[in-house]
Amino acid sequence: MRATVEELTLATDCKITPEQANKLRVIKAHFDALTFCKGNLDQLITELGKEFQEEQKLVQAVPDFKNPITTCVSSSTL
C-alpha cells in the first residue's frame, strides 16, 4: 500500500462520497488485518527458526552467507 493509514485519514477529511468512504473503510480493515497477520507470521517464523540456530550459525560462518535470508534461500535450493 503506497499511502499510510494516516495519509488516508487526512485524505478523507475532505468531502468524499459515501461509497468512497465505505471503500476506504474496507481498505483500512484489510490493511489492519494484513498487518496483524504479518506480525503473527514473523513470530511463527522466529519460533520455528530457534530450532535451527546452531545450523544457521554454522552456515553464516561462510563469508558470503552472513545474511540470514541468504542462508534460507541457499538451504531451500540445496
N, C-alpha and C. Protein backbone atom coordinates (compact mmCIF):
# COMPACT_ATOMS: atom_id res chain seq x y z
N MET A 1 0.86 -1.17 0.00
CA MET A 1 0.00 0.00 0.00
C MET A 1 0.90 1.22 0.00
N ARG A 2 0.68 2.10 -0.92
CA ARG A 2 1.55 3.27 -1.04
C ARG A 2 1.26 4.33 0.02
N ALA A 3 0.02 4.55 0.32
CA ALA A 3 -0.34 5.56 1.32
C ALA A 3 -0.43 4.90 2.69
N THR A 4 -0.02 5.66 3.70
CA THR A 4 -0.14 5.14 5.06
C THR A 4 -1.57 5.36 5.54
N VAL A 5 -1.91 4.74 6.63
CA VAL A 5 -3.25 4.89 7.20
C VAL A 5 -3.48 6.35 7.57
N GLU A 6 -2.45 7.01 8.10
CA GLU A 6 -2.59 8.42 8.48
C GLU A 6 -2.86 9.29 7.25
N GLU A 7 -2.18 8.98 6.15
CA GLU A 7 -2.41 9.75 4.92
C GLU A 7 -3.82 9.54 4.40
N LEU A 8 -4.33 8.31 4.53
CA LEU A 8 -5.71 8.06 4.10
C LEU A 8 -6.69 8.82 4.98
N THR A 9 -6.41 8.88 6.27
CA THR A 9 -7.28 9.62 7.18
C THR A 9 -7.29 11.09 6.83
N LEU A 10 -6.12 11.65 6.54
CA LEU A 10 -6.06 13.06 6.14
C LEU A 10 -6.82 13.28 4.84
N ALA A 11 -6.70 12.34 3.91
CA ALA A 11 -7.38 12.48 2.63
C ALA A 11 -8.89 12.42 2.80
N THR A 12 -9.36 11.65 3.77
CA THR A 12 -10.80 11.51 3.95
C THR A 12 -11.41 12.68 4.70
N ASP A 13 -10.58 13.57 5.25
CA ASP A 13 -11.11 14.76 5.91
C ASP A 13 -11.79 15.68 4.90
N CYS A 14 -11.40 15.56 3.64
CA CYS A 14 -12.07 16.32 2.58
C CYS A 14 -13.40 15.63 2.30
N LYS A 15 -14.20 16.27 1.48
CA LYS A 15 -15.50 15.69 1.18
C LYS A 15 -15.33 14.52 0.22
N ILE A 16 -15.88 13.39 0.61
CA ILE A 16 -15.89 12.21 -0.25
C ILE A 16 -17.29 11.64 -0.24
N THR A 17 -17.57 10.84 -1.25
CA THR A 17 -18.90 10.25 -1.33
C THR A 17 -19.02 9.11 -0.32
N PRO A 18 -20.24 8.76 0.06
CA PRO A 18 -20.42 7.63 0.98
C PRO A 18 -19.81 6.33 0.43
N GLU A 19 -19.91 6.15 -0.88
CA GLU A 19 -19.33 4.95 -1.50
C GLU A 19 -17.81 4.94 -1.33
N GLN A 20 -17.17 6.10 -1.54
CA GLN A 20 -15.72 6.19 -1.37
C GLN A 20 -15.33 5.96 0.09
N ALA A 21 -16.12 6.51 0.99
CA ALA A 21 -15.84 6.34 2.42
C ALA A 21 -15.93 4.87 2.81
N ASN A 22 -16.93 4.18 2.28
CA ASN A 22 -17.08 2.76 2.57
C ASN A 22 -15.90 1.97 2.03
N LYS A 23 -15.48 2.29 0.81
CA LYS A 23 -14.34 1.59 0.22
C LYS A 23 -13.07 1.84 1.03
N LEU A 24 -12.89 3.05 1.52
CA LEU A 24 -11.72 3.35 2.34
C LEU A 24 -11.76 2.60 3.67
N ARG A 25 -12.95 2.44 4.23
CA ARG A 25 -13.08 1.66 5.46
C ARG A 25 -12.69 0.20 5.22
N VAL A 26 -13.12 -0.34 4.09
CA VAL A 26 -12.78 -1.72 3.75
C VAL A 26 -11.27 -1.86 3.55
N ILE A 27 -10.67 -0.91 2.84
CA ILE A 27 -9.23 -0.93 2.61
C ILE A 27 -8.48 -0.87 3.93
N LYS A 28 -8.91 0.01 4.82
CA LYS A 28 -8.24 0.14 6.12
C LYS A 28 -8.39 -1.15 6.92
N ALA A 29 -9.56 -1.76 6.88
CA ALA A 29 -9.77 -3.02 7.61
C ALA A 29 -8.86 -4.12 7.05
N HIS A 30 -8.74 -4.17 5.73
CA HIS A 30 -7.86 -5.16 5.12
C HIS A 30 -6.40 -4.89 5.48
N PHE A 31 -6.02 -3.63 5.47
CA PHE A 31 -4.64 -3.26 5.82
C PHE A 31 -4.35 -3.65 7.27
N ASP A 32 -5.27 -3.38 8.17
CA ASP A 32 -5.09 -3.75 9.58
C ASP A 32 -4.99 -5.27 9.74
N ALA A 33 -5.82 -6.00 9.01
CA ALA A 33 -5.80 -7.46 9.10
C ALA A 33 -4.47 -8.01 8.57
N LEU A 34 -3.99 -7.46 7.47
CA LEU A 34 -2.71 -7.90 6.92
C LEU A 34 -1.56 -7.58 7.86
N THR A 35 -1.60 -6.43 8.48
CA THR A 35 -0.56 -6.05 9.45
C THR A 35 -0.55 -7.01 10.62
N PHE A 36 -1.73 -7.37 11.10
CA PHE A 36 -1.85 -8.32 12.21
C PHE A 36 -1.30 -9.69 11.80
N CYS A 37 -1.68 -10.16 10.61
CA CYS A 37 -1.21 -11.46 10.13
C CYS A 37 0.30 -11.46 9.91
N LYS A 38 0.84 -10.36 9.43
CA LYS A 38 2.28 -10.26 9.22
C LYS A 38 3.02 -10.40 10.55
N GLY A 39 2.51 -9.76 11.59
CA GLY A 39 3.11 -9.87 12.91
C GLY A 39 3.09 -11.31 13.42
N ASN A 40 1.96 -11.98 13.23
CA ASN A 40 1.85 -13.38 13.64
C ASN A 40 2.81 -14.27 12.86
N LEU A 41 2.91 -14.01 11.56
CA LEU A 41 3.81 -14.80 10.71
C LEU A 41 5.26 -14.60 11.12
N ASP A 42 5.65 -13.36 11.38
CA ASP A 42 7.02 -13.08 11.84
C ASP A 42 7.32 -13.83 13.13
N GLN A 43 6.36 -13.84 14.04
CA GLN A 43 6.54 -14.52 15.32
C GLN A 43 6.68 -16.03 15.11
N LEU A 44 5.85 -16.61 14.24
CA LEU A 44 5.93 -18.05 13.97
C LEU A 44 7.26 -18.42 13.33
N ILE A 45 7.72 -17.61 12.39
CA ILE A 45 9.00 -17.88 11.72
C ILE A 45 10.13 -17.83 12.73
N THR A 46 10.11 -16.85 13.61
CA THR A 46 11.14 -16.74 14.64
C THR A 46 11.13 -17.96 15.56
N GLU A 47 9.94 -18.39 15.97
CA GLU A 47 9.84 -19.56 16.86
C GLU A 47 10.33 -20.82 16.16
N LEU A 48 9.97 -21.00 14.89
CA LEU A 48 10.41 -22.18 14.16
C LEU A 48 11.91 -22.15 13.90
N GLY A 49 12.46 -20.95 13.70
CA GLY A 49 13.88 -20.80 13.43
C GLY A 49 14.77 -21.09 14.62
N LYS A 50 14.22 -20.99 15.83
CA LYS A 50 15.01 -21.25 17.04
C LYS A 50 15.57 -22.67 17.04
N GLU A 51 14.84 -23.58 16.44
CA GLU A 51 15.26 -24.98 16.40
C GLU A 51 16.55 -25.15 15.59
N PHE A 52 16.80 -24.25 14.65
CA PHE A 52 17.93 -24.39 13.74
C PHE A 52 19.01 -23.33 13.95
N GLN A 53 19.08 -22.74 15.12
CA GLN A 53 20.05 -21.67 15.36
C GLN A 53 21.49 -22.13 15.19
N GLU A 54 21.81 -23.30 15.65
CA GLU A 54 23.19 -23.80 15.53
C GLU A 54 23.57 -24.00 14.07
N GLU A 55 22.65 -24.55 13.28
CA GLU A 55 22.91 -24.74 11.85
C GLU A 55 23.09 -23.40 11.15
N GLN A 56 22.26 -22.41 11.52
CA GLN A 56 22.37 -21.09 10.92
C GLN A 56 23.72 -20.46 11.23
N LYS A 57 24.17 -20.60 12.46
CA LYS A 57 25.48 -20.04 12.84
C LYS A 57 26.59 -20.69 12.04
N LEU A 58 26.49 -22.00 11.83
CA LEU A 58 27.50 -22.72 11.06
C LEU A 58 27.53 -22.24 9.61
N VAL A 59 26.36 -22.11 9.00
CA VAL A 59 26.29 -21.65 7.61
C VAL A 59 26.75 -20.20 7.50
N GLN A 60 26.40 -19.37 8.48
CA GLN A 60 26.78 -17.96 8.44
C GLN A 60 28.27 -17.75 8.68
N ALA A 61 28.98 -18.80 9.08
CA ALA A 61 30.42 -18.70 9.23
C ALA A 61 31.10 -18.59 7.86
N VAL A 62 30.42 -19.01 6.80
CA VAL A 62 30.93 -18.87 5.44
C VAL A 62 30.85 -17.39 5.08
N PRO A 63 31.94 -16.80 4.53
CA PRO A 63 31.99 -15.34 4.31
C PRO A 63 30.81 -14.75 3.54
N ASP A 64 30.30 -15.42 2.51
CA ASP A 64 29.22 -14.84 1.70
C ASP A 64 27.83 -15.11 2.26
N PHE A 65 27.73 -15.77 3.39
CA PHE A 65 26.43 -16.16 3.94
C PHE A 65 26.14 -15.48 5.27
N LYS A 66 26.49 -14.23 5.42
CA LYS A 66 26.24 -13.51 6.67
C LYS A 66 24.77 -13.16 6.85
N ASN A 67 24.08 -12.93 5.75
CA ASN A 67 22.68 -12.52 5.79
C ASN A 67 21.79 -13.75 6.03
N PRO A 68 20.91 -13.71 7.04
CA PRO A 68 20.03 -14.86 7.31
C PRO A 68 19.13 -15.22 6.13
N ILE A 69 18.75 -14.23 5.33
CA ILE A 69 17.91 -14.50 4.15
C ILE A 69 18.69 -15.34 3.15
N THR A 70 19.96 -15.02 2.96
CA THR A 70 20.81 -15.79 2.06
C THR A 70 20.89 -17.23 2.53
N THR A 71 21.01 -17.42 3.81
CA THR A 71 21.07 -18.76 4.39
C THR A 71 19.79 -19.53 4.08
N CYS A 72 18.64 -18.89 4.24
CA CYS A 72 17.36 -19.55 3.98
C CYS A 72 17.23 -19.93 2.51
N VAL A 73 17.57 -18.99 1.63
CA VAL A 73 17.45 -19.25 0.19
C VAL A 73 18.39 -20.36 -0.22
N SER A 74 19.62 -20.33 0.27
CA SER A 74 20.60 -21.36 -0.09
C SER A 74 20.17 -22.73 0.40
N SER A 75 19.67 -22.80 1.61
CA SER A 75 19.28 -24.10 2.16
C SER A 75 18.05 -24.66 1.45
N SER A 76 17.19 -23.80 0.94
CA SER A 76 16.00 -24.30 0.26
C SER A 76 16.31 -24.76 -1.16
N THR A 77 17.43 -24.30 -1.73
CA THR A 77 17.77 -24.69 -3.09
C THR A 77 18.70 -25.90 -3.13
N LEU A 78 19.24 -26.28 -1.98
CA LEU A 78 20.17 -27.43 -1.95
C LEU A 78 19.44 -28.74 -1.94
